[in-house]
C-alpha atoms as a PDB file:
ATOM      1  CA  UNK A   1       0.021  -0.107   0.109  1.00  0.00           C
ATOM      2  CA  UNK A   2       1.063   3.636  -1.071  1.00  0.00           C
ATOM      3  CA  UNK A   3       1.990   5.553   1.619  1.00  0.00           C
ATOM      4  CA  UNK A   4      -1.041   6.880   3.999  1.00  0.00           C
ATOM      5  CA  UNK A   5      -1.673  10.543   4.873  1.00  0.00           C
ATOM      6  CA  UNK A   6      -2.647  12.351   7.884  1.00  0.00           C
ATOM      7  CA  UNK A   7      -5.187  15.844   7.838  1.00  0.00           C
ATOM      8  CA  UNK A   8      -2.229  17.442   9.263  1.00  0.00           C
ATOM      9  CA  UNK A   9       0.715  16.455   6.367  1.00  0.00           C
ATOM     10  CA  UNK A  10      -1.902  16.861   4.025  1.00  0.00           C
ATOM     11  CA  UNK A  11      -2.610  20.375   4.771  1.00  0.00           C
ATOM     12  CA  UNK A  12       0.982  20.874   5.084  1.00  0.00           C
ATOM     13  CA  UNK A  13       1.561  19.592   1.511  1.00  0.00           C
ATOM     14  CA  UNK A  14      -1.496  22.031   0.066  1.00  0.00           C
ATOM     15  CA  UNK A  15       0.043  24.873   2.076  1.00  0.00           C
ATOM     16  CA  UNK A  16       3.520  24.412   0.902  1.00  0.00           C
ATOM     17  CA  UNK A  17       2.566  24.167  -2.904  1.00  0.00           C
ATOM     18  CA  UNK A  18       0.835  27.601  -2.690  1.00  0.00           C
ATOM     19  CA  UNK A  19       3.153  29.469  -0.580  1.00  0.00           C
ATOM     20  CA  UNK A  20       5.903  28.543  -3.307  1.00  0.00           C
ATOM     21  CA  UNK A  21       3.845  29.545  -5.742  1.00  0.00           C
ATOM     22  CA  UNK A  22       3.222  26.559  -7.174  1.00  0.00           C
ATOM     23  CA  UNK A  23      -0.356  26.926  -7.205  1.00  0.00           C
ATOM     24  CA  UNK A  24      -3.253  28.653  -5.882  1.00  0.00           C
ATOM     25  CA  UNK A  25      -6.081  27.612  -3.693  1.00  0.00           C
ATOM     26  CA  UNK A  26      -8.592  28.265  -6.357  1.00  0.00           C
ATOM     27  CA  UNK A  27      -6.771  25.970  -9.061  1.00  0.00           C
ATOM     28  CA  UNK A  28      -6.517  23.498  -6.288  1.00  0.00           C
ATOM     29  CA  UNK A  29     -10.376  23.359  -6.194  1.00  0.00           C
ATOM     30  CA  UNK A  30     -10.858  23.435  -9.850  1.00  0.00           C
ATOM     31  CA  UNK A  31      -8.392  20.669  -9.858  1.00  0.00           C
ATOM     32  CA  UNK A  32      -9.854  18.230  -7.271  1.00  0.00           C
ATOM     33  CA  UNK A  33     -13.521  19.238  -9.656  1.00  0.00           C
ATOM     34  CA  UNK A  34     -12.367  17.477 -12.025  1.00  0.00           C
ATOM     35  CA  UNK A  35     -10.672  14.572 -10.412  1.00  0.00           C
ATOM     36  CA  UNK A  36     -14.368  14.736  -8.502  1.00  0.00           C
ATOM     37  CA  UNK A  37     -16.271  14.600 -11.596  1.00  0.00           C
ATOM     38  CA  UNK A  38     -13.460  11.963 -13.266  1.00  0.00           C
ATOM     39  CA  UNK A  39     -13.981   9.273 -11.209  1.00  0.00           C
ATOM     40  CA  UNK A  40     -18.164   9.485 -11.123  1.00  0.00           C
ATOM     41  CA  UNK A  41     -18.265   9.231 -14.437  1.00  0.00           C
ATOM     42  CA  UNK A  42     -15.615   6.127 -14.058  1.00  0.00           C
ATOM     43  CA  UNK A  43     -18.120   4.703 -11.817  1.00  0.00           C
ATOM     44  CA  UNK A  44     -20.992   5.052 -13.362  1.00  0.00           C
ATOM     45  CA  UNK A  45     -21.078   5.668 -16.790  1.00  0.00           C
ATOM     46  CA  UNK A  46     -24.570   6.123 -17.825  1.00  0.00           C
ATOM     47  CA  UNK A  47     -24.670   9.406 -15.960  1.00  0.00           C
ATOM     48  CA  UNK A  48     -22.103  10.875 -18.593  1.00  0.00           C
ATOM     49  CA  UNK A  49     -24.472   9.794 -21.555  1.00  0.00           C
ATOM     50  CA  UNK A  50     -27.426  11.778 -22.796  1.00  0.00           C
ATOM     51  CA  UNK A  51     -29.791  10.125 -25.587  1.00  0.00           C
ATOM     52  CA  UNK A  52     -29.699  11.080 -28.839  1.00  0.00           C
ATOM     53  CA  UNK A  53     -33.640  11.339 -29.120  1.00  0.00           C
ATOM     54  CA  UNK A  54     -34.313  14.513 -27.554  1.00  0.00           C
ATOM     55  CA  UNK A  55     -37.765  13.780 -25.894  1.00  0.00           C
ATOM     56  CA  UNK A  56     -35.673  10.242 -24.617  1.00  0.00           C
ATOM     57  CA  UNK A  57     -33.400  12.396 -22.777  1.00  0.00           C
ATOM     58  CA  UNK A  58     -33.556  12.474 -19.284  1.00  0.00           C
ATOM     59  CA  UNK A  59     -32.256  15.471 -17.115  1.00  0.00           C
ATOM     60  CA  UNK A  60     -29.750  14.852 -14.550  1.00  0.00           C
ATOM     61  CA  UNK A  61     -30.197  15.861 -11.088  1.00  0.00           C
ATOM     62  CA  UNK A  62     -27.698  16.372  -8.284  1.00  0.00           C
ATOM     63  CA  UNK A  63     -28.486  17.128  -4.091  1.00  0.00           C
ATOM     64  CA  UNK A  64     -25.175  18.725  -3.204  1.00  0.00           C
ATOM     65  CA  UNK A  65     -24.293  19.278   0.559  1.00  0.00           C
ATOM     66  CA  UNK A  66     -21.611  22.060   1.428  1.00  0.00           C
ATOM     67  CA  UNK A  67     -19.934  23.161   4.977  1.00  0.00           C
ATOM     68  CA  UNK A  68     -18.550  25.560   5.879  1.00  0.00           C
ATOM     69  CA  UNK A  69     -14.744  25.114   5.017  1.00  0.00           C
ATOM     70  CA  UNK A  70     -12.954  24.462   2.117  1.00  0.00           C
ATOM     71  CA  UNK A  71     -14.485  20.663   1.828  1.00  0.00           C
ATOM     72  CA  UNK A  72     -17.919  23.043   0.761  1.00  0.00           C
ATOM     73  CA  UNK A  73     -15.472  25.287  -1.314  1.00  0.00           C
ATOM     74  CA  UNK A  74     -14.785  22.622  -3.562  1.00  0.00           C
ATOM     75  CA  UNK A  75     -18.817  21.288  -3.687  1.00  0.00           C
ATOM     76  CA  UNK A  76     -19.335  24.583  -5.099  1.00  0.00           C
ATOM     77  CA  UNK A  77     -17.668  24.003  -8.041  1.00  0.00           C
ATOM     78  CA  UNK A  78     -18.640  20.813  -8.571  1.00  0.00           C
ATOM     79  CA  UNK A  79     -22.027  22.514  -8.269  1.00  0.00           C
ATOM     80  CA  UNK A  80     -21.183  24.824 -10.806  1.00  0.00           C
ATOM     81  CA  UNK A  81     -19.091  21.973 -13.005  1.00  0.00           C
ATOM     82  CA  UNK A  82     -22.836  20.179 -13.462  1.00  0.00           C
ATOM     83  CA  UNK A  83     -24.833  23.145 -13.543  1.00  0.00           C
ATOM     84  CA  UNK A  84     -22.517  23.705 -16.981  1.00  0.00           C
ATOM     85  CA  UNK A  85     -23.190  20.282 -17.824  1.00  0.00           C
ATOM     86  CA  UNK A  86     -26.921  21.605 -17.629  1.00  0.00           C
ATOM     87  CA  UNK A  87     -27.987  19.172 -14.653  1.00  0.00           C
ATOM     88  CA  UNK A  88     -30.462  20.266 -12.323  1.00  0.00           C
ATOM     89  CA  UNK A  89     -28.502  21.257  -9.145  1.00  0.00           C
ATOM     90  CA  UNK A  90     -29.506  21.749  -5.773  1.00  0.00           C
ATOM     91  CA  UNK A  91     -27.296  22.879  -2.989  1.00  0.00           C
ATOM     92  CA  UNK A  92     -28.109  22.434   0.978  1.00  0.00           C
ATOM     93  CA  UNK A  93     -25.011  25.109   3.166  1.00  0.00           C
ATOM     94  CA  UNK A  94     -24.321  24.510   6.034  1.00  0.00           C
ATOM     95  CA  UNK A  95     -23.026  27.650   7.943  1.00  0.00           C
ATOM     96  CA  UNK A  96     -22.486  31.191   7.510  1.00  0.00           C
ATOM     97  CA  UNK A  97     -21.404  32.678   4.226  1.00  0.00           C
ATOM     98  CA  UNK A  98     -19.332  35.281   5.626  1.00  0.00           C
ATOM     99  CA  UNK A  99     -16.838  33.038   8.061  1.00  0.00           C
ATOM    100  CA  UNK A 100     -16.046  30.913   4.809  1.00  0.00           C
ATOM    101  CA  UNK A 101     -12.422  30.241   3.957  1.00  0.00           C
ATOM    102  CA  UNK A 102     -11.602  33.108   1.727  1.00  0.00           C
ATOM    103  CA  UNK A 103     -11.392  30.769  -1.840  1.00  0.00           C
ATOM    104  CA  UNK A 104     -14.496  28.702  -0.363  1.00  0.00           C
ATOM    105  CA  UNK A 105     -16.157  32.614  -0.537  1.00  0.00           C
ATOM    106  CA  UNK A 106     -15.144  33.048  -3.661  1.00  0.00           C
ATOM    107  CA  UNK A 107     -16.811  29.718  -5.024  1.00  0.00           C
ATOM    108  CA  UNK A 108     -20.139  30.129  -2.654  1.00  0.00           C
ATOM    109  CA  UNK A 109     -20.641  33.638  -4.664  1.00  0.00           C
ATOM    110  CA  UNK A 110     -19.593  32.181  -7.578  1.00  0.00           C
ATOM    111  CA  UNK A 111     -22.634  29.498  -7.208  1.00  0.00           C
ATOM    112  CA  UNK A 112     -25.348  32.150  -5.850  1.00  0.00           C
ATOM    113  CA  UNK A 113     -25.070  33.957  -9.777  1.00  0.00           C
ATOM    114  CA  UNK A 114     -26.411  30.640 -10.530  1.00  0.00           C
ATOM    115  CA  UNK A 115     -28.634  28.631  -8.382  1.00  0.00           C
ATOM    116  CA  UNK A 116     -29.895  28.915  -4.574  1.00  0.00           C
ATOM    117  CA  UNK A 117     -28.394  27.694  -1.859  1.00  0.00           C
ATOM    118  CA  UNK A 118     -30.581  26.093   0.808  1.00  0.00           C
ATOM    119  CA  UNK A 119     -30.122  26.241   4.269  1.00  0.00           C
ATOM    120  CA  UNK A 120     -29.619  22.965   6.335  1.00  0.00           C
ATOM    121  CA  UNK A 121     -33.505  22.852   8.224  1.00  0.00           C
ATOM    122  CA  UNK A 122     -35.138  21.581  10.882  1.00  0.00           C
ATOM    123  CA  UNK A 123     -38.121  20.659   9.367  1.00  0.00           C
ATOM    124  CA  UNK A 124     -39.381  17.040   9.447  1.00  0.00           C
ATOM    125  CA  UNK A 125     -41.900  17.784   6.106  1.00  0.00           C
ATOM    126  CA  UNK A 126     -41.280  16.479   2.405  1.00  0.00           C
ATOM    127  CA  UNK A 127     -39.096  18.682   0.869  1.00  0.00           C
ATOM    128  CA  UNK A 128     -39.641  18.098  -3.064  1.00  0.00           C
ATOM    129  CA  UNK A 129     -35.601  19.555  -3.700  1.00  0.00           C
ATOM    130  CA  UNK A 130     -35.044  16.241  -2.373  1.00  0.00           C
ATOM    131  CA  UNK A 131     -37.548  13.909  -3.441  1.00  0.00           C
ATOM    132  CA  UNK A 132     -39.595  15.532  -6.860  1.00  0.00           C
ATOM    133  CA  UNK A 133     -37.714  14.621  -8.590  1.00  0.00           C
ATOM    134  CA  UNK A 134     -34.876  12.319  -6.842  1.00  0.00           C
ATOM    135  CA  UNK A 135     -31.789  12.956  -7.619  1.00  0.00           C
ATOM    136  CA  UNK A 136     -29.494  10.983  -9.181  1.00  0.00           C
ATOM    137  CA  UNK A 137     -26.409  11.406  -7.420  1.00  0.00           C
ATOM    138  CA  UNK A 138     -25.981  13.142  -3.365  1.00  0.00           C
ATOM    139  CA  UNK A 139     -22.385  14.527  -2.891  1.00  0.00           C
ATOM    140  CA  UNK A 140     -21.626  15.129   0.550  1.00  0.00           C
ATOM    141  CA  UNK A 141     -19.018  17.562   0.596  1.00  0.00           C
ATOM    142  CA  UNK A 142     -19.749  19.012   3.941  1.00  0.00           C
ATOM    143  CA  UNK A 143     -16.742  18.208   6.240  1.00  0.00           C
ATOM    144  CA  UNK A 144     -13.825  16.872   4.864  1.00  0.00           C
ATOM    145  CA  UNK A 145     -10.431  15.229   6.550  1.00  0.00           C
ATOM    146  CA  UNK A 146     -10.084  18.177   9.379  1.00  0.00           C
ATOM    147  CA  UNK A 147     -13.135  17.198  11.269  1.00  0.00           C
ATOM    148  CA  UNK A 148     -12.342  15.544  14.260  1.00  0.00           C
ATOM    149  CA  UNK A 149     -15.637  15.635  16.409  1.00  0.00           C
ATOM    150  CA  UNK A 150     -19.535  14.637  16.504  1.00  0.00           C
ATOM    151  CA  UNK A 151     -21.903  16.240  14.156  1.00  0.00           C
ATOM    152  CA  UNK A 152     -23.799  18.986  15.235  1.00  0.00           C
ATOM    153  CA  UNK A 153     -27.385  18.070  15.365  1.00  0.00           C
ATOM    154  CA  UNK A 154     -28.745  19.760  12.310  1.00  0.00           C
ATOM    155  CA  UNK A 155     -26.683  18.717   9.973  1.00  0.00           C
ATOM    156  CA  UNK A 156     -27.077  14.598  11.404  1.00  0.00           C
ATOM    157  CA  UNK A 157     -31.565  15.479  10.709  1.00  0.00           C
ATOM    158  CA  UNK A 158     -30.353  16.665   7.156  1.00  0.00           C
ATOM    159  CA  UNK A 159     -28.462  13.514   6.860  1.00  0.00           C
ATOM    160  CA  UNK A 160     -31.378  11.357   8.589  1.00  0.00           C
ATOM    161  CA  UNK A 161     -33.526  12.949   5.673  1.00  0.00           C
ATOM    162  CA  UNK A 162     -31.531  12.068   3.262  1.00  0.00           C
ATOM    163  CA  UNK A 163     -31.265   8.593   4.295  1.00  0.00           C
ATOM    164  CA  UNK A 164     -35.150   8.087   4.055  1.00  0.00           C
ATOM    165  CA  UNK A 165     -35.181   9.807   0.648  1.00  0.00           C
ATOM    166  CA  UNK A 166     -32.370   6.990  -0.524  1.00  0.00           C
ATOM    167  CA  UNK A 167     -34.910   4.304   0.920  1.00  0.00           C
ATOM    168  CA  UNK A 168     -37.145   5.518  -1.831  1.00  0.00           C
ATOM    169  CA  UNK A 169     -34.315   5.623  -5.072  1.00  0.00           C
ATOM    170  CA  UNK A 170     -30.751   4.115  -4.051  1.00  0.00           C
ATOM    171  CA  UNK A 171     -29.518   6.913  -6.071  1.00  0.00           C
ATOM    172  CA  UNK A 172     -25.088   6.693  -4.920  1.00  0.00           C
ATOM    173  CA  UNK A 173     -23.456   9.148  -2.536  1.00  0.00           C
ATOM    174  CA  UNK A 174     -20.045  10.385  -2.946  1.00  0.00           C
ATOM    175  CA  UNK A 175     -18.239  11.907  -0.602  1.00  0.00           C
ATOM    176  CA  UNK A 176     -15.852  14.866  -1.287  1.00  0.00           C
ATOM    177  CA  UNK A 177     -12.278  14.085   0.566  1.00  0.00           C
ATOM    178  CA  UNK A 178     -13.545  11.402   3.183  1.00  0.00           C
ATOM    179  CA  UNK A 179     -17.532  10.836   4.181  1.00  0.00           C
ATOM    180  CA  UNK A 180     -18.426  13.040   7.086  1.00  0.00           C
ATOM    181  CA  UNK A 181     -19.059  11.873  10.203  1.00  0.00           C
ATOM    182  CA  UNK A 182     -15.424   9.896   9.815  1.00  0.00           C
ATOM    183  CA  UNK A 183     -12.024  10.812  10.982  1.00  0.00           C
ATOM    184  CA  UNK A 184      -9.514  10.733   8.076  1.00  0.00           C
ATOM    185  CA  UNK A 185      -6.382  10.104  10.611  1.00  0.00           C
ATOM    186  CA  UNK A 186      -8.337   7.092  12.407  1.00  0.00           C
ATOM    187  CA  UNK A 187     -11.325   6.284  10.398  1.00  0.00           C
ATOM    188  CA  UNK A 188     -13.824   5.851  13.222  1.00  0.00           C
ATOM    189  CA  UNK A 189     -17.032   6.824  13.149  1.00  0.00           C
ATOM    190  CA  UNK A 190     -17.604  10.250  15.083  1.00  0.00           C
ATOM    191  CA  UNK A 191     -21.515   9.236  16.120  1.00  0.00           C
ATOM    192  CA  UNK A 192     -23.811   6.391  15.858  1.00  0.00           C
ATOM    193  CA  UNK A 193     -25.881   8.205  12.718  1.00  0.00           C
ATOM    194  CA  UNK A 194     -23.863   8.533   9.335  1.00  0.00           C
ATOM    195  CA  UNK A 195     -24.271   8.282   5.666  1.00  0.00           C
ATOM    196  CA  UNK A 196     -22.542   5.872   3.658  1.00  0.00           C
ATOM    197  CA  UNK A 197     -20.618   6.660   0.448  1.00  0.00           C
ATOM    198  CA  UNK A 198     -20.225   4.396  -2.078  1.00  0.00           C
ATOM    199  CA  UNK A 199     -17.412   6.496  -3.489  1.00  0.00           C
ATOM    200  CA  UNK A 200     -15.379   8.068  -1.945  1.00  0.00           C
ATOM    201  CA  UNK A 201     -12.666  10.659  -4.043  1.00  0.00           C
ATOM    202  CA  UNK A 202      -9.720  12.053  -2.358  1.00  0.00           C
ATOM    203  CA  UNK A 203      -6.806  13.786  -3.486  1.00  0.00           C
ATOM    204  CA  UNK A 204      -2.894  13.612  -3.860  1.00  0.00           C
ATOM    205  CA  UNK A 205      -2.967  10.560  -1.317  1.00  0.00           C
ATOM    206  CA  UNK A 206      -5.586   8.612   1.024  1.00  0.00           C
ATOM    207  CA  UNK A 207      -6.086   9.061   3.922  1.00  0.00           C
ATOM    208  CA  UNK A 208      -5.173   6.666   6.880  1.00  0.00           C
ATOM    209  CA  UNK A 209      -8.675   7.012   7.544  1.00  0.00           C
ATOM    210  CA  UNK A 210      -9.935   5.752   4.510  1.00  0.00           C
ATOM    211  CA  UNK A 211      -8.436   1.771   5.087  1.00  0.00           C
ATOM    212  CA  UNK A 212      -8.801   1.540   9.550  1.00  0.00           C
ATOM    213  CA  UNK A 213     -11.821   0.750  11.507  1.00  0.00           C
ATOM    214  CA  UNK A 214     -15.027   2.169  10.275  1.00  0.00           C
ATOM    215  CA  UNK A 215     -13.104   3.309   7.174  1.00  0.00           C
ATOM    216  CA  UNK A 216     -13.546   0.585   4.937  1.00  0.00           C
ATOM    217  CA  UNK A 217     -17.634   0.212   5.889  1.00  0.00           C
ATOM    218  CA  UNK A 218     -18.151   3.660   5.392  1.00  0.00           C
ATOM    219  CA  UNK A 219     -15.865   5.114   1.736  1.00  0.00           C
ATOM    220  CA  UNK A 220     -17.096   2.574  -0.466  1.00  0.00           C
ATOM    221  CA  UNK A 221     -14.822   2.610  -3.261  1.00  0.00           C
ATOM    222  CA  UNK A 222     -11.887   5.102  -2.601  1.00  0.00           C
ATOM    223  CA  UNK A 223     -10.724   6.866  -5.542  1.00  0.00           C
ATOM    224  CA  UNK A 224      -7.199   8.813  -5.466  1.00  0.00           C
ATOM    225  CA  UNK A 225      -7.169  11.788  -7.830  1.00  0.00           C
ATOM    226  CA  UNK A 226      -3.582  13.529  -8.749  1.00  0.00           C
ATOM    227  CA  UNK A 227      -4.358  17.207  -8.125  1.00  0.00           C
ATOM    228  CA  UNK A 228      -0.546  18.449  -9.013  1.00  0.00           C
ATOM    229  CA  UNK A 229       0.806  18.710  -5.598  1.00  0.00           C
END
C-alpha cells in the first residue's frame, strides 16, 4: 500500500505548494472538481451520457451538501460544473457564508450567480427539492479531512432525511475526500448515525482513515486523484 497521510500532513503539502507559488487555492479546487467528476463518470458512465433522441433525454439531477470550510468550497465548484453540463443541481449549505475561508467564499459567490443555496433545516416535512424528482447523485462536501468531533445536530437531522429518501431512490452517495462523520486520521465514526458513501474521491494520496476502523465500511470505493502537488 502506498503511504497514507494524516490531515495535518495533507494540509502542510497544500500550504507549501501555495506558499511556493506552484498553485493557488482556487486552482486546487478546480483540479479537485475535475478529479471528482472524472471519478463519478468512470464509476457510473451512464451519468455522462445523454440520449440522442430529444424526448427521451432525462435531465440529470444532483443534490450537493456543502459545509463551512474548503471541502464545502470544492462542493460549490462541482455544483457549478454540473450545472454547466445542464444538470439540475440543488445545494444545501451548513454554515455562515460570511465566515467561509476566502477561496470557498469565492466559489460560494460564483454559485450564487447561478442558483439558490438552501439552508440545512430542522423541518421534518417532505422537501420536494430532495424528492421531486429524486436525484441521480448525492454529493457530500460538508466536512472534510479536518473533522474530529461529532456532527452538529442540524447536520445529523439533514442526513437522516437523505437516508429516508435513499430508501426510495437508491441513488449513490459520493464523498469529497472523506465521508462526513468519519475521522480521516483514524477511520473512527464520530457519531452513531451517518451516511455511507458508495464512492469516496480523495486527492494526492489516500488518508489513514480510509482503511482503518470504520473507514472501509463508510467510504465505499476509494479513488485517489492527482491534483498536481
